Amino acid sequence: MNAELLKPPRLEPGATIGIAAVSGPVNEEKLDAGIEALRAMGYDVVQASNLRRRAGFLAGEDADRVNGYRALLTDPKVSAIFFARGGYGSVRTLSGISPSDARRHPKIHLGASDLTALFSFLRRGANLVTFYGPMVAVEMGQPRELDWQQVLSGTTPEIHHFASEDVVAPGVGEGVLVGGCLSLLASLTGTPEAVDARGAILFWEDTREEIYRLDRLLTQLERSGNLDNLQGMVIGSVIPSGPNESRRDVDEYLALRWKGAPFPVARNFPAGHLPAPRTLPLGTRVRLELADAPRLTFLEPGVR
């Protein structure tokens, strides 16, 4: 990994945004609503060549998804790449992508969920800051207040203040913010693009995983050594698996799992699989202070 952090240029008013699909097939009605919302904000939109394709549970064959993404990455007119949705499939594109393309063409990447794999790949190969946040065919077409414009335009994200009941383990930690969707983080263990949280602040979230599966995924990360010397943990949305498990059950499990941790731990940060998730600049430094006024402070913007 490059020693120097690579921040993409900030998103300017009226910029051209490319919409990519490297994972599951897109709901076209939701996609059109998201694109219309972007255009209403004054942005031009370029659609990846595979954006509306379907090949089983993927948005086109592997080569289609690679080529659609790479065309946006290398297009000088495209200032940022927003992803249509998550699902599954981005990990299958990594063998067709070169980190050198991202180094030559550093661009904003905005997405979540399955994009964890691609973002970790870009972090390990190019040290590129990526943005974990809303997606075009998921949240952007709805009339909700989102913070991605402020974050991508160069504003340092606002401090988040935690409720006292959401402090699982007290303490203070500072480091680079890494992470993503827990099931993806665990699945990357043992691969070249595994997330390295050593000395970092780990953010994770997930949706509809049973509690025993959450525990298995977290234990896998611990046993891999990727959490050694962890400086802090920020837990985002953890949506219960169904009627047999409630949010209270999840919160009780998290409190039991991380009580007495040697690093600060907080839960219920408003990011992940939510109607209006916050946008997180992965790769930048943050400070997690869980004492009298528990908060997460972002120490720098994610763009230049």
C-alpha atoms as a PDB file:
ATOM      1  CA  MET A   1       0.000   0.000   0.000  1.00  0.00           C
ATOM      2  CA  ASN A   2       1.226   3.500  -0.798  1.00  0.00           C
ATOM      3  CA  ALA A   3       2.511   5.437   2.215  1.00  0.00           C
ATOM      4  CA  GLU A   4       0.789   8.665   1.182  1.00  0.00           C
ATOM      5  CA  LEU A   5      -2.967   8.905   1.567  1.00  0.00           C
ATOM      6  CA  LEU A   6      -4.643   9.574  -1.782  1.00  0.00           C
ATOM      7  CA  LYS A   7      -7.596  11.931  -1.520  1.00  0.00           C
ATOM      8  CA  PRO A   8      -9.745  12.494  -4.621  1.00  0.00           C
ATOM      9  CA  PRO A   9     -10.606  15.994  -5.824  1.00  0.00           C
ATOM     10  CA  ARG A  10     -13.720  17.463  -4.248  1.00  0.00           C
ATOM     11  CA  LEU A  11     -17.079  17.366  -6.002  1.00  0.00           C
ATOM     12  CA  GLU A  12     -17.795  20.705  -7.655  1.00  0.00           C
ATOM     13  CA  PRO A  13     -21.269  22.069  -8.496  1.00  0.00           C
ATOM     14  CA  GLY A  14     -22.430  20.861 -11.896  1.00  0.00           C
ATOM     15  CA  ALA A  15     -19.842  18.052 -12.015  1.00  0.00           C
ATOM     16  CA  THR A  16     -20.359  14.856 -13.985  1.00  0.00           C
ATOM     17  CA  ILE A  17     -21.171  11.805 -11.878  1.00  0.00           C
ATOM     18  CA  GLY A  18     -20.796   8.288 -13.246  1.00  0.00           C
ATOM     19  CA  ILE A  19     -23.238   5.636 -12.030  1.00  0.00           C
ATOM     20  CA  ALA A  20     -21.675   2.165 -11.761  1.00  0.00           C
ATOM     21  CA  ALA A  21     -23.093  -1.277 -11.010  1.00  0.00           C
ATOM     22  CA  VAL A  22     -20.508  -3.866  -9.953  1.00  0.00           C
ATOM     23  CA  SER A  23     -22.827  -5.945  -7.793  1.00  0.00           C
ATOM     24  CA  GLY A  24     -26.481  -6.971  -8.099  1.00  0.00           C
ATOM     25  CA  PRO A  25     -28.971  -5.990 -10.809  1.00  0.00           C
ATOM     26  CA  VAL A  26     -30.688  -2.643 -10.400  1.00  0.00           C
ATOM     27  CA  ASN A  27     -34.342  -1.812  -9.853  1.00  0.00           C
ATOM     28  CA  GLU A  28     -34.804   0.573 -12.786  1.00  0.00           C
ATOM     29  CA  GLU A  29     -37.617   2.560 -11.189  1.00  0.00           C
ATOM     30  CA  LYS A  30     -35.474   3.330  -8.146  1.00  0.00           C
ATOM     31  CA  LEU A  31     -32.467   3.962 -10.358  1.00  0.00           C
ATOM     32  CA  ASP A  32     -34.361   6.479 -12.479  1.00  0.00           C
ATOM     33  CA  ALA A  33     -35.593   8.252  -9.339  1.00  0.00           C
ATOM     34  CA  GLY A  34     -32.023   8.524  -8.039  1.00  0.00           C
ATOM     35  CA  ILE A  35     -30.676   9.792 -11.351  1.00  0.00           C
ATOM     36  CA  GLU A  36     -33.458  12.365 -11.577  1.00  0.00           C
ATOM     37  CA  ALA A  37     -32.628  13.578  -8.069  1.00  0.00           C
ATOM     38  CA  LEU A  38     -28.968  14.043  -9.044  1.00  0.00           C
ATOM     39  CA  ARG A  39     -29.910  15.939 -12.190  1.00  0.00           C
ATOM     40  CA  ALA A  40     -32.273  18.143 -10.187  1.00  0.00           C
ATOM     41  CA  MET A  41     -29.263  19.103  -8.040  1.00  0.00           C
ATOM     42  CA  GLY A  42     -27.469  20.293 -11.169  1.00  0.00           C
ATOM     43  CA  TYR A  43     -25.175  17.324 -11.814  1.00  0.00           C
ATOM     44  CA  ASP A  44     -24.624  15.674 -15.173  1.00  0.00           C
ATOM     45  CA  VAL A  45     -24.934  11.893 -15.123  1.00  0.00           C
ATOM     46  CA  VAL A  46     -23.130   9.219 -17.143  1.00  0.00           C
ATOM     47  CA  GLN A  47     -24.420   5.661 -16.879  1.00  0.00           C
ATOM     48  CA  ALA A  48     -22.097   2.652 -16.962  1.00  0.00           C
ATOM     49  CA  SER A  49     -22.582   0.479 -20.033  1.00  0.00           C
ATOM     50  CA  ASN A  50     -23.832  -2.437 -17.890  1.00  0.00           C
ATOM     51  CA  LEU A  51     -25.967  -0.363 -15.521  1.00  0.00           C
ATOM     52  CA  ARG A  52     -29.298  -1.830 -16.657  1.00  0.00           C
ATOM     53  CA  ARG A  53     -28.112  -5.337 -17.485  1.00  0.00           C
ATOM     54  CA  ARG A  54     -28.993  -8.490 -15.609  1.00  0.00           C
ATOM     55  CA  ALA A  55     -27.161 -11.819 -15.556  1.00  0.00           C
ATOM     56  CA  GLY A  56     -28.848 -13.880 -12.874  1.00  0.00           C
ATOM     57  CA  PHE A  57     -28.028 -12.256  -9.526  1.00  0.00           C
ATOM     58  CA  LEU A  58     -25.516  -9.833 -11.073  1.00  0.00           C
ATOM     59  CA  ALA A  59     -25.674  -6.611 -13.097  1.00  0.00           C
ATOM     60  CA  GLY A  60     -24.149  -8.283 -16.138  1.00  0.00           C
ATOM     61  CA  GLU A  61     -21.306 -10.750 -16.555  1.00  0.00           C
ATOM     62  CA  ASP A  62     -18.090 -10.125 -14.645  1.00  0.00           C
ATOM     63  CA  ALA A  63     -16.406  -8.587 -17.684  1.00  0.00           C
ATOM     64  CA  ASP A  64     -19.404  -6.321 -18.287  1.00  0.00           C
ATOM     65  CA  ARG A  65     -19.253  -4.972 -14.743  1.00  0.00           C
ATOM     66  CA  VAL A  66     -15.481  -4.489 -14.865  1.00  0.00           C
ATOM     67  CA  ASN A  67     -15.602  -2.715 -18.207  1.00  0.00           C
ATOM     68  CA  GLY A  68     -18.498  -0.491 -17.168  1.00  0.00           C
ATOM     69  CA  TYR A  69     -16.699   0.597 -14.011  1.00  0.00           C
ATOM     70  CA  ARG A  70     -13.273   1.059 -15.631  1.00  0.00           C
ATOM     71  CA  ALA A  71     -14.730   3.211 -18.400  1.00  0.00           C
ATOM     72  CA  LEU A  72     -16.080   5.621 -15.770  1.00  0.00           C
ATOM     73  CA  LEU A  73     -12.824   5.533 -13.806  1.00  0.00           C
ATOM     74  CA  THR A  74     -10.702   6.496 -16.797  1.00  0.00           C
ATOM     75  CA  ASP A  75     -13.147   8.970 -18.377  1.00  0.00           C
ATOM     76  CA  PRO A  76     -11.681  12.472 -17.783  1.00  0.00           C
ATOM     77  CA  LYS A  77     -15.165  14.016 -17.867  1.00  0.00           C
ATOM     78  CA  VAL A  78     -16.349  11.940 -14.883  1.00  0.00           C
ATOM     79  CA  SER A  79     -15.525  13.537 -11.529  1.00  0.00           C
ATOM     80  CA  ALA A  80     -17.048  10.945  -9.200  1.00  0.00           C
ATOM     81  CA  ILE A  81     -18.352   7.392  -9.295  1.00  0.00           C
ATOM     82  CA  PHE A  82     -21.560   6.661  -7.388  1.00  0.00           C
ATOM     83  CA  PHE A  83     -22.752   3.073  -7.128  1.00  0.00           C
ATOM     84  CA  ALA A  84     -26.309   2.060  -7.908  1.00  0.00           C
ATOM     85  CA  ARG A  85     -26.688  -0.604  -5.229  1.00  0.00           C
ATOM     86  CA  GLY A  86     -24.958  -3.337  -3.264  1.00  0.00           C
ATOM     87  CA  GLY A  87     -26.047  -6.946  -3.021  1.00  0.00           C
ATOM     88  CA  TYR A  88     -23.250  -9.253  -4.078  1.00  0.00           C
ATOM     89  CA  GLY A  89     -20.630  -9.401  -6.798  1.00  0.00           C
ATOM     90  CA  SER A  90     -18.049  -6.650  -6.427  1.00  0.00           C
ATOM     91  CA  VAL A  91     -15.429  -9.114  -5.169  1.00  0.00           C
ATOM     92  CA  ARG A  92     -15.682 -10.971  -8.491  1.00  0.00           C
ATOM     93  CA  THR A  93     -14.581  -7.836 -10.364  1.00  0.00           C
ATOM     94  CA  LEU A  94     -11.349  -7.259  -8.432  1.00  0.00           C
ATOM     95  CA  SER A  95      -9.175  -9.505 -10.611  1.00  0.00           C
ATOM     96  CA  GLY A  96     -10.059  -7.289 -13.587  1.00  0.00           C
ATOM     97  CA  ILE A  97      -9.238  -3.983 -11.885  1.00  0.00           C
ATOM     98  CA  SER A  98      -5.794  -2.455 -11.447  1.00  0.00           C
ATOM     99  CA  PRO A  99      -5.083  -0.169  -8.480  1.00  0.00           C
ATOM    100  CA  SER A 100      -2.808   1.808 -10.804  1.00  0.00           C
ATOM    101  CA  ASP A 101      -5.932   3.044 -12.616  1.00  0.00           C
ATOM    102  CA  ALA A 102      -7.201   4.498  -9.341  1.00  0.00           C
ATOM    103  CA  ARG A 103      -3.814   6.107  -8.652  1.00  0.00           C
ATOM    104  CA  ARG A 104      -3.773   7.716 -12.101  1.00  0.00           C
ATOM    105  CA  HIS A 105      -7.443   8.696 -11.910  1.00  0.00           C
ATOM    106  CA  PRO A 106      -8.271   9.322  -8.230  1.00  0.00           C
ATOM    107  CA  LYS A 107     -12.005   9.869  -8.070  1.00  0.00           C
ATOM    108  CA  ILE A 108     -14.684   9.950  -5.425  1.00  0.00           C
ATOM    109  CA  HIS A 109     -16.227   6.496  -4.877  1.00  0.00           C
ATOM    110  CA  LEU A 110     -19.556   6.541  -2.998  1.00  0.00           C
ATOM    111  CA  GLY A 111     -21.396   3.376  -2.013  1.00  0.00           C
ATOM    112  CA  ALA A 112     -21.964   0.857   0.775  1.00  0.00           C
ATOM    113  CA  SER A 113     -22.740  -2.750   1.671  1.00  0.00           C
ATOM    114  CA  ASP A 114     -21.149  -5.002  -0.986  1.00  0.00           C
ATOM    115  CA  LEU A 115     -18.922  -2.114  -2.092  1.00  0.00           C
ATOM    116  CA  THR A 116     -16.901  -2.886   1.058  1.00  0.00           C
ATOM    117  CA  ALA A 117     -14.861  -5.335  -1.040  1.00  0.00           C
ATOM    118  CA  LEU A 118     -14.011  -2.843  -3.790  1.00  0.00           C
ATOM    119  CA  PHE A 119     -13.283  -0.063  -1.305  1.00  0.00           C
ATOM    120  CA  SER A 120     -10.931  -2.281   0.684  1.00  0.00           C
ATOM    121  CA  PHE A 121      -9.211  -3.299  -2.551  1.00  0.00           C
ATOM    122  CA  LEU A 122      -8.673   0.368  -3.453  1.00  0.00           C
ATOM    123  CA  ARG A 123      -7.459   1.129   0.056  1.00  0.00           C
ATOM    124  CA  ARG A 124      -4.901  -1.680   0.066  1.00  0.00           C
ATOM    125  CA  GLY A 125      -3.754  -1.130  -3.527  1.00  0.00           C
ATOM    126  CA  ALA A 126      -3.947   2.642  -3.972  1.00  0.00           C
ATOM    127  CA  ASN A 127      -4.495   4.069  -0.444  1.00  0.00           C
ATOM    128  CA  LEU A 128      -7.503   5.867  -1.905  1.00  0.00           C
ATOM    129  CA  VAL A 129     -10.043   7.484   0.404  1.00  0.00           C
ATOM    130  CA  THR A 130     -13.495   6.080  -0.367  1.00  0.00           C
ATOM    131  CA  PHE A 131     -16.896   7.084   0.957  1.00  0.00           C
ATOM    132  CA  TYR A 132     -19.277   4.698   2.686  1.00  0.00           C
ATOM    133  CA  GLY A 133     -22.731   6.151   2.232  1.00  0.00           C
ATOM    134  CA  PRO A 134     -25.988   6.286   0.252  1.00  0.00           C
ATOM    135  CA  MET A 135     -26.456   4.695  -3.169  1.00  0.00           C
ATOM    136  CA  VAL A 136     -28.276   5.957  -6.247  1.00  0.00           C
ATOM    137  CA  ALA A 137     -30.933   3.235  -6.579  1.00  0.00           C
ATOM    138  CA  VAL A 138     -31.398   2.767  -2.842  1.00  0.00           C
ATOM    139  CA  GLU A 139     -31.563   6.024  -0.847  1.00  0.00           C
ATOM    140  CA  MET A 140     -30.972   8.892  -3.293  1.00  0.00           C
ATOM    141  CA  GLY A 141     -34.338   8.828  -5.016  1.00  0.00           C
ATOM    142  CA  GLN A 142     -36.232   9.402  -1.771  1.00  0.00           C
ATOM    143  CA  PRO A 143     -37.035  12.830  -0.287  1.00  0.00           C
ATOM    144  CA  ARG A 144     -34.635  12.485   2.634  1.00  0.00           C
ATOM    145  CA  GLU A 145     -31.935  14.740   4.012  1.00  0.00           C
ATOM    146  CA  LEU A 146     -28.527  13.237   3.231  1.00  0.00           C
ATOM    147  CA  ASP A 147     -25.065  14.600   3.989  1.00  0.00           C
ATOM    148  CA  TRP A 148     -23.087  13.292   1.001  1.00  0.00           C
ATOM    149  CA  GLN A 149     -22.990  16.634  -0.832  1.00  0.00           C
ATOM    150  CA  GLN A 150     -21.380  18.407   2.119  1.00  0.00           C
ATOM    151  CA  VAL A 151     -18.876  15.621   2.739  1.00  0.00           C
ATOM    152  CA  LEU A 152     -17.875  15.260  -0.918  1.00  0.00           C
ATOM    153  CA  SER A 153     -17.551  19.017  -1.431  1.00  0.00           C
ATOM    154  CA  GLY A 154     -14.777  19.255   1.161  1.00  0.00           C
ATOM    155  CA  THR A 155     -16.560  19.829   4.452  1.00  0.00           C
ATOM    156  CA  THR A 156     -15.193  17.826   7.365  1.00  0.00           C
ATOM    157  CA  PRO A 157     -18.072  15.599   8.538  1.00  0.00           C
ATOM    158  CA  GLU A 158     -19.959  16.810  11.576  1.00  0.00           C
ATOM    159  CA  ILE A 159     -19.164  15.451  15.021  1.00  0.00           C
ATOM    160  CA  HIS A 160     -21.501  12.685  16.112  1.00  0.00           C
ATOM    161  CA  HIS A 161     -22.616  12.669  19.734  1.00  0.00           C
ATOM    162  CA  PHE A 162     -23.526   9.279  21.171  1.00  0.00           C
ATOM    163  CA  ALA A 163     -26.243   8.719  23.748  1.00  0.00           C
ATOM    164  CA  SER A 164     -24.803   7.498  27.033  1.00  0.00           C
ATOM    165  CA  GLU A 165     -26.609   4.166  26.676  1.00  0.00           C
ATOM    166  CA  ASP A 166     -24.815   3.561  23.371  1.00  0.00           C
ATOM    167  CA  VAL A 167     -21.386   3.563  25.008  1.00  0.00           C
ATOM    168  CA  VAL A 168     -20.492  -0.124  25.285  1.00  0.00           C
ATOM    169  CA  ALA A 169     -16.909   0.302  26.485  1.00  0.00           C
ATOM    170  CA  PRO A 170     -15.470   3.663  27.603  1.00  0.00           C
ATOM    171  CA  GLY A 171     -12.146   5.112  26.596  1.00  0.00           C
ATOM    172  CA  VAL A 172     -10.426   7.287  24.013  1.00  0.00           C
ATOM    173  CA  GLY A 173      -8.909   6.217  20.713  1.00  0.00           C
ATOM    174  CA  GLU A 174      -7.614   7.862  17.569  1.00  0.00           C
ATOM    175  CA  GLY A 175      -6.687   6.409  14.197  1.00  0.00           C
ATOM    176  CA  VAL A 176      -7.598   5.866  10.583  1.00  0.00           C
ATOM    177  CA  LEU A 177     -11.245   4.977   9.985  1.00  0.00           C
ATOM    178  CA  VAL A 178     -11.637   1.601   8.236  1.00  0.00           C
ATOM    179  CA  GLY A 179     -14.426  -0.907   7.798  1.00  0.00           C
ATOM    180  CA  GLY A 180     -17.754  -1.461   6.102  1.00  0.00           C
ATOM    181  CA  CYS A 181     -20.348  -4.234   6.086  1.00  0.00           C
ATOM    182  CA  LEU A 182     -19.406  -6.916   8.617  1.00  0.00           C
ATOM    183  CA  SER A 183     -20.220  -9.943   6.465  1.00  0.00           C
ATOM    184  CA  LEU A 184     -17.973  -8.550   3.709  1.00  0.00           C
ATOM    185  CA  LEU A 185     -15.191  -7.698   6.146  1.00  0.00           C
ATOM    186  CA  ALA A 186     -15.187 -11.280   7.393  1.00  0.00           C
ATOM    187  CA  SER A 187     -15.377 -12.775   3.901  1.00  0.00           C
ATOM    188  CA  LEU A 188     -12.255 -10.819   2.881  1.00  0.00           C
ATOM    189  CA  THR A 189     -10.177 -12.397   5.646  1.00  0.00           C
ATOM    190  CA  GLY A 190      -7.232 -14.243   4.098  1.00  0.00           C
ATOM    191  CA  THR A 191      -7.429 -12.363   0.792  1.00  0.00           C
ATOM    192  CA  PRO A 192      -5.046  -9.633  -0.426  1.00  0.00           C
ATOM    193  CA  GLU A 193      -7.762  -7.026   0.086  1.00  0.00           C
ATOM    194  CA  ALA A 194      -8.574  -7.951   3.703  1.00  0.00           C
ATOM    195  CA  VAL A 195      -9.272  -4.890   5.830  1.00  0.00           C
ATOM    196  CA  ASP A 196      -6.389  -4.210   8.208  1.00  0.00           C
ATOM    197  CA  ALA A 197      -7.782  -2.579  11.343  1.00  0.00           C
ATOM    198  CA  ARG A 198      -4.583  -2.792  13.359  1.00  0.00           C
ATOM    199  CA  GLY A 199      -4.011   0.590  14.999  1.00  0.00           C
ATOM    200  CA  ALA A 200      -7.250   1.905  13.451  1.00  0.00           C
ATOM    201  CA  ILE A 201     -10.829   2.789  14.362  1.00  0.00           C
ATOM    202  CA  LEU A 202     -13.094   0.067  12.947  1.00  0.00           C
ATOM    203  CA  PHE A 203     -16.590   0.906  11.708  1.00  0.00           C
ATOM    204  CA  TRP A 204     -18.956  -1.942  10.923  1.00  0.00           C
ATOM    205  CA  GLU A 205     -22.646  -2.494  10.279  1.00  0.00           C
ATOM    206  CA  ASP A 206     -24.838  -5.232   8.859  1.00  0.00           C
ATOM    207  CA  THR A 207     -28.408  -6.218   8.178  1.00  0.00           C
ATOM    208  CA  ARG A 208     -30.549  -9.258   8.925  1.00  0.00           C
ATOM    209  CA  GLU A 209     -27.791 -11.456  10.301  1.00  0.00           C
ATOM    210  CA  GLU A 210     -28.800 -13.662  13.217  1.00  0.00           C
ATOM    211  CA  ILE A 211     -26.952 -12.910  16.433  1.00  0.00           C
ATOM    212  CA  TYR A 212     -24.968 -16.142  16.373  1.00  0.00           C
ATOM    213  CA  ARG A 213     -23.808 -15.242  12.853  1.00  0.00           C
ATOM    214  CA  LEU A 214     -22.749 -11.772  13.988  1.00  0.00           C
ATOM    215  CA  ASP A 215     -20.707 -13.410  16.718  1.00  0.00           C
ATOM    216  CA  ARG A 216     -19.112 -15.840  14.264  1.00  0.00           C
ATOM    217  CA  LEU A 217     -18.161 -13.018  11.877  1.00  0.00           C
ATOM    218  CA  LEU A 218     -16.681 -10.880  14.651  1.00  0.00           C
ATOM    219  CA  THR A 219     -14.785 -13.831  16.070  1.00  0.00           C
ATOM    220  CA  GLN A 220     -13.356 -14.586  12.635  1.00  0.00           C
ATOM    221  CA  LEU A 221     -12.032 -11.032  12.386  1.00  0.00           C
ATOM    222  CA  GLU A 222     -10.523 -11.283  15.862  1.00  0.00           C
ATOM    223  CA  ARG A 223      -8.912 -14.661  15.188  1.00  0.00           C
ATOM    224  CA  SER A 224      -7.441 -13.421  11.914  1.00  0.00           C
ATOM    225  CA  GLY A 225      -5.300 -10.876  13.752  1.00  0.00           C
ATOM    226  CA  ASN A 226      -6.756  -8.024  11.721  1.00  0.00           C
ATOM    227  CA  LEU A 227      -8.087  -6.377  14.905  1.00  0.00           C
ATOM    228  CA  ASP A 228      -4.831  -6.495  16.853  1.00  0.00           C
ATOM    229  CA  ASN A 229      -4.037  -3.157  18.511  1.00  0.00           C
ATOM    230  CA  LEU A 230      -7.465  -1.837  17.545  1.00  0.00           C
ATOM    231  CA  GLN A 231      -7.905   1.741  18.774  1.00  0.00           C
ATOM    232  CA  GLY A 232     -11.696   1.836  18.799  1.00  0.00           C
ATOM    233  CA  MET A 233     -14.899   0.389  17.376  1.00  0.00           C
ATOM    234  CA  VAL A 234     -17.899   2.252  15.970  1.00  0.00           C
ATOM    235  CA  ILE A 235     -20.925   0.036  15.355  1.00  0.00           C
ATOM    236  CA  GLY A 236     -23.445   1.350  12.836  1.00  0.00           C
ATOM    237  CA  SER A 237     -26.906   0.008  12.087  1.00  0.00           C
ATOM    238  CA  VAL A 238     -27.383  -3.650  12.970  1.00  0.00           C
ATOM    239  CA  ILE A 239     -30.828  -4.591  11.700  1.00  0.00           C
ATOM    240  CA  PRO A 240     -32.282  -7.708  13.398  1.00  0.00           C
ATOM    241  CA  SER A 241     -32.687 -10.858  11.328  1.00  0.00           C
ATOM    242  CA  GLY A 242     -36.437 -11.171  11.721  1.00  0.00           C
ATOM    243  CA  PRO A 243     -39.336 -11.602  14.172  1.00  0.00           C
ATOM    244  CA  ASN A 244     -37.375 -13.910  16.478  1.00  0.00           C
ATOM    245  CA  GLU A 245     -34.724 -11.278  17.261  1.00  0.00           C
ATOM    246  CA  SER A 246     -35.313  -7.642  18.167  1.00  0.00           C
ATOM    247  CA  ARG A 247     -33.104  -4.582  18.228  1.00  0.00           C
ATOM    248  CA  ARG A 248     -33.058  -4.927  21.999  1.00  0.00           C
ATOM    249  CA  ASP A 249     -31.696  -8.453  21.622  1.00  0.00           C
ATOM    250  CA  VAL A 250     -28.953  -7.158  19.332  1.00  0.00           C
ATOM    251  CA  ASP A 251     -28.067  -4.309  21.685  1.00  0.00           C
ATOM    252  CA  GLU A 252     -27.874  -6.706  24.628  1.00  0.00           C
ATOM    253  CA  TYR A 253     -25.607  -9.025  22.656  1.00  0.00           C
ATOM    254  CA  LEU A 254     -23.290  -6.171  21.640  1.00  0.00           C
ATOM    255  CA  ALA A 255     -23.094  -4.948  25.231  1.00  0.00           C
ATOM    256  CA  LEU A 256     -22.183  -8.437  26.426  1.00  0.00           C
ATOM    257  CA  ARG A 257     -19.760  -9.085  23.550  1.00  0.00           C
ATOM    258  CA  TRP A 258     -17.691  -5.915  23.984  1.00  0.00           C
ATOM    259  CA  LYS A 259     -18.113  -5.075  27.661  1.00  0.00           C
ATOM    260  CA  GLY A 260     -14.645  -4.631  29.124  1.00  0.00           C
ATOM    261  CA  ALA A 261     -12.982  -4.282  25.708  1.00  0.00           C
ATOM    262  CA  PRO A 262      -9.484  -2.720  25.897  1.00  0.00           C
ATOM    263  CA  PHE A 263     -10.573  -0.073  23.380  1.00  0.00           C
ATOM    264  CA  PRO A 264     -13.600   2.269  23.244  1.00  0.00           C
ATOM    265  CA  VAL A 265     -16.753   0.829  21.677  1.00  0.00           C
ATOM    266  CA  ALA A 266     -19.965   2.660  20.744  1.00  0.00           C
ATOM    267  CA  ARG A 267     -23.071   1.430  18.960  1.00  0.00           C
ATOM    268  CA  ASN A 268     -25.975   2.882  16.969  1.00  0.00           C
ATOM    269  CA  PHE A 269     -23.952   5.258  14.808  1.00  0.00           C
ATOM    270  CA  PRO A 270     -26.402   6.326  12.033  1.00  0.00           C
ATOM    271  CA  ALA A 271     -24.672   4.696   9.048  1.00  0.00           C
ATOM    272  CA  GLY A 272     -25.273   1.508   7.109  1.00  0.00           C
ATOM    273  CA  HIS A 273     -28.542  -0.035   5.948  1.00  0.00           C
ATOM    274  CA  LEU A 274     -30.700   2.934   6.931  1.00  0.00           C
ATOM    275  CA  PRO A 275     -33.094   5.224   5.031  1.00  0.00           C
ATOM    276  CA  ALA A 276     -30.750   8.215   5.509  1.00  0.00           C
ATOM    277  CA  PRO A 277     -27.248   6.953   6.334  1.00  0.00           C
ATOM    278  CA  ARG A 278     -24.362   9.284   7.111  1.00  0.00           C
ATOM    279  CA  THR A 279     -21.412   9.398   4.715  1.00  0.00           C
ATOM    280  CA  LEU A 280     -18.092   8.160   6.119  1.00  0.00           C
ATOM    281  CA  PRO A 281     -14.704   8.994   4.537  1.00  0.00           C
ATOM    282  CA  LEU A 282     -12.829   5.698   4.933  1.00  0.00           C
ATOM    283  CA  GLY A 283      -9.081   6.198   5.209  1.00  0.00           C
ATOM    284  CA  THR A 284      -9.173   9.500   7.094  1.00  0.00           C
ATOM    285  CA  ARG A 285      -8.305  10.048  10.745  1.00  0.00           C
ATOM    286  CA  VAL A 286     -10.964  10.197  13.460  1.00  0.00           C
ATOM    287  CA  ARG A 287     -11.042  10.448  17.243  1.00  0.00           C
ATOM    288  CA  LEU A 288     -13.433   8.379  19.364  1.00  0.00           C
ATOM    289  CA  GLU A 289     -13.973   9.796  22.859  1.00  0.00           C
ATOM    290  CA  LEU A 290     -16.332   7.806  25.046  1.00  0.00           C
ATOM    291  CA  ALA A 291     -16.267   9.550  28.393  1.00  0.00           C
ATOM    292  CA  ASP A 292     -18.343  12.449  29.802  1.00  0.00           C
ATOM    293  CA  ALA A 293     -19.476  13.693  26.364  1.00  0.00           C
ATOM    294  CA  PRO A 294     -19.212  10.622  24.120  1.00  0.00           C
ATOM    295  CA  ARG A 295     -18.526  11.545  20.518  1.00  0.00           C
ATOM    296  CA  LEU A 296     -16.848  10.679  17.252  1.00  0.00           C
ATOM    297  CA  THR A 297     -14.849  13.531  15.737  1.00  0.00           C
ATOM    298  CA  PHE A 298     -13.665  13.568  12.134  1.00  0.00           C
ATOM    299  CA  LEU A 299     -10.239  15.170  12.020  1.00  0.00           C
ATOM    300  CA  GLU A 300      -9.945  15.923   8.309  1.00  0.00           C
ATOM    301  CA  PRO A 301     -12.008  16.100   5.103  1.00  0.00           C
ATOM    302  CA  GLY A 302     -11.939  13.131   2.742  1.00  0.00           C
ATOM    303  CA  VAL A 303     -11.312  15.162  -0.425  1.00  0.00           C
ATOM    304  CA  ARG A 304      -8.775  17.758  -1.514  1.00  0.00           C
END
